[in-house]
Amino acid sequence: MLAGAAGDIRISLSYAGDKVLIGLSCTQTIGVDIVQIDRIAETLALSRLYLPAIACATVFEAAPDVKDANFALGWAQLEACCKALGLPLAEIDKKREMAYANCELVDCKQISGYRMAVAILP
């Protein structure tokens, strides 16, 4: 029980490696995601297929030493938005990109080796 919580308590969970991220909200719909930074051969193809244009550009334009971290953050933001919106993971299109734009991404302090995202619906 959360002290002072009025109404529904909303929760979102994610895990990667040995880390777990839990988001709780009493007032807004929330989605969270954590992604371990890995070198993935298909990073550019996955970015093109799934990430919104701005996130895709941050991967494509990134220096080689931060490309994997940028992809992990873009993917975490994508998953957090999907959870907040109640959408399954699917390829990007104009309708989906507009839906993601309705999510407010909360600035998160990142931890070494992982990227985290929190999305809320205002």
Protein backbone atom coordinates (compact mmCIF):
# COMPACT_ATOMS: atom_id res chain seq x y z
CA MET A 1 0.00 0.00 0.00
CA LEU A 2 1.37 3.43 -0.91
CA ALA A 3 0.83 6.10 1.72
CA GLY A 4 -1.39 8.86 0.43
CA ALA A 5 -2.14 7.06 -2.84
CA ALA A 6 -5.50 8.05 -4.22
CA GLY A 7 -7.06 6.04 -7.00
CA ASP A 8 -5.36 3.39 -9.06
CA ILE A 9 -1.69 2.56 -8.66
CA ARG A 10 -0.05 1.98 -12.01
CA ILE A 11 3.07 -0.15 -12.32
CA SER A 12 5.52 -0.97 -15.08
CA LEU A 13 8.38 -3.46 -14.89
CA SER A 14 11.46 -4.21 -16.96
CA TYR A 15 14.61 -6.24 -16.53
CA ALA A 16 17.90 -6.75 -18.35
CA GLY A 17 20.98 -8.65 -17.24
CA ASP A 18 20.98 -8.49 -13.44
CA LYS A 19 19.03 -5.22 -13.23
CA VAL A 20 15.32 -4.58 -12.63
CA LEU A 21 13.51 -1.29 -13.21
CA ILE A 22 10.16 -0.67 -11.52
CA GLY A 23 7.95 2.33 -12.20
CA LEU A 24 5.01 3.28 -9.95
CA SER A 25 2.52 6.08 -10.44
CA CYS A 26 -0.64 7.10 -8.64
CA THR A 27 -1.58 9.78 -11.15
CA GLN A 28 -0.35 8.92 -14.65
CA THR A 29 -0.01 5.96 -16.95
CA ILE A 30 3.64 4.88 -16.92
CA GLY A 31 5.95 2.67 -18.93
CA VAL A 32 9.56 1.81 -18.08
CA ASP A 33 12.29 -0.12 -19.84
CA ILE A 34 15.92 -0.99 -19.23
CA VAL A 35 18.26 -2.29 -21.96
CA GLN A 36 21.75 -3.66 -21.55
CA ILE A 37 24.20 -2.03 -23.96
CA ASP A 38 25.44 -4.69 -26.39
CA ARG A 39 26.98 -4.71 -29.82
CA ILE A 40 24.24 -5.94 -32.15
CA ALA A 41 25.05 -6.54 -35.81
CA GLU A 42 21.54 -5.51 -36.88
CA THR A 43 21.50 -2.18 -34.99
CA LEU A 44 21.03 -0.02 -38.08
CA ALA A 45 18.35 -2.28 -39.60
CA LEU A 46 16.43 -2.48 -36.29
CA SER A 47 16.67 1.29 -35.86
CA ARG A 48 15.25 1.87 -39.34
CA LEU A 49 12.40 -0.60 -38.81
CA TYR A 50 11.32 0.28 -35.26
CA LEU A 51 12.63 3.61 -33.96
CA PRO A 52 11.01 7.00 -34.51
CA ALA A 53 12.91 9.26 -36.92
CA ILE A 54 14.70 11.32 -34.26
CA ALA A 55 15.90 8.26 -32.31
CA CYS A 56 16.92 6.57 -35.55
CA ALA A 57 19.00 9.62 -36.52
CA THR A 58 20.82 9.58 -33.16
CA VAL A 59 21.92 6.01 -33.90
CA PHE A 60 22.87 6.58 -37.54
CA GLU A 61 24.77 9.82 -36.82
CA ALA A 62 26.53 8.60 -33.65
CA ALA A 63 30.25 8.13 -33.36
CA PRO A 64 31.18 4.41 -33.29
CA ASP A 65 31.99 4.52 -29.55
CA VAL A 66 28.45 5.62 -28.60
CA LYS A 67 26.36 4.00 -31.36
CA ASP A 68 25.45 0.96 -29.21
CA ALA A 69 24.50 3.13 -26.22
CA ASN A 70 22.37 5.39 -28.44
CA PHE A 71 20.58 2.35 -29.86
CA ALA A 72 19.98 0.95 -26.35
CA LEU A 73 18.49 4.27 -25.23
CA GLY A 74 16.32 4.56 -28.34
CA TRP A 75 15.08 1.00 -27.84
CA ALA A 76 14.37 1.59 -24.13
CA GLN A 77 12.37 4.72 -25.01
CA LEU A 78 10.45 2.80 -27.68
CA GLU A 79 9.56 0.00 -25.25
CA ALA A 80 8.64 2.44 -22.45
CA CYS A 81 6.28 4.28 -24.82
CA CYS A 82 4.74 1.00 -26.00
CA LYS A 83 4.07 0.01 -22.39
CA ALA A 84 2.58 3.39 -21.46
CA LEU A 85 0.36 3.36 -24.55
CA GLY A 86 -0.61 -0.31 -24.21
CA LEU A 87 0.76 -1.06 -27.69
CA PRO A 88 2.56 -4.21 -28.81
CA LEU A 89 6.00 -3.85 -30.35
CA ALA A 90 5.60 -3.21 -34.08
CA GLU A 91 7.41 -1.59 -36.98
CA ILE A 92 7.32 2.18 -37.10
CA ASP A 93 4.83 4.01 -39.29
CA LYS A 94 3.35 7.52 -39.21
CA LYS A 95 0.47 6.52 -36.93
CA ARG A 96 2.79 4.84 -34.44
CA GLU A 97 5.28 7.71 -34.51
CA MET A 98 2.43 10.11 -33.68
CA ALA A 99 1.36 7.86 -30.80
CA TYR A 100 4.91 7.82 -29.39
CA ALA A 101 4.96 11.63 -29.59
CA ASN A 102 2.12 11.64 -27.01
CA CYS A 103 4.47 10.15 -24.43
CA GLU A 104 6.53 12.37 -22.18
CA LEU A 105 9.99 10.86 -21.70
CA VAL A 106 11.31 11.56 -18.20
CA ASP A 107 15.01 12.38 -17.93
CA CYS A 108 16.69 9.43 -16.19
CA LYS A 109 20.10 9.13 -14.60
CA GLN A 110 21.72 6.25 -16.51
CA ILE A 111 23.85 3.46 -15.04
CA SER A 112 26.99 2.01 -16.55
CA GLY A 113 26.33 -0.66 -19.17
CA TYR A 114 22.58 0.02 -19.39
CA ARG A 115 20.13 2.58 -20.72
CA MET A 116 16.78 3.27 -19.04
CA ALA A 117 13.65 5.11 -20.10
CA VAL A 118 10.48 6.22 -18.36
CA ALA A 119 7.46 7.30 -20.41
CA ILE A 120 4.33 8.86 -18.98
CA LEU A 121 1.10 9.95 -20.57
CA PRO A 122 0.33 13.55 -19.57
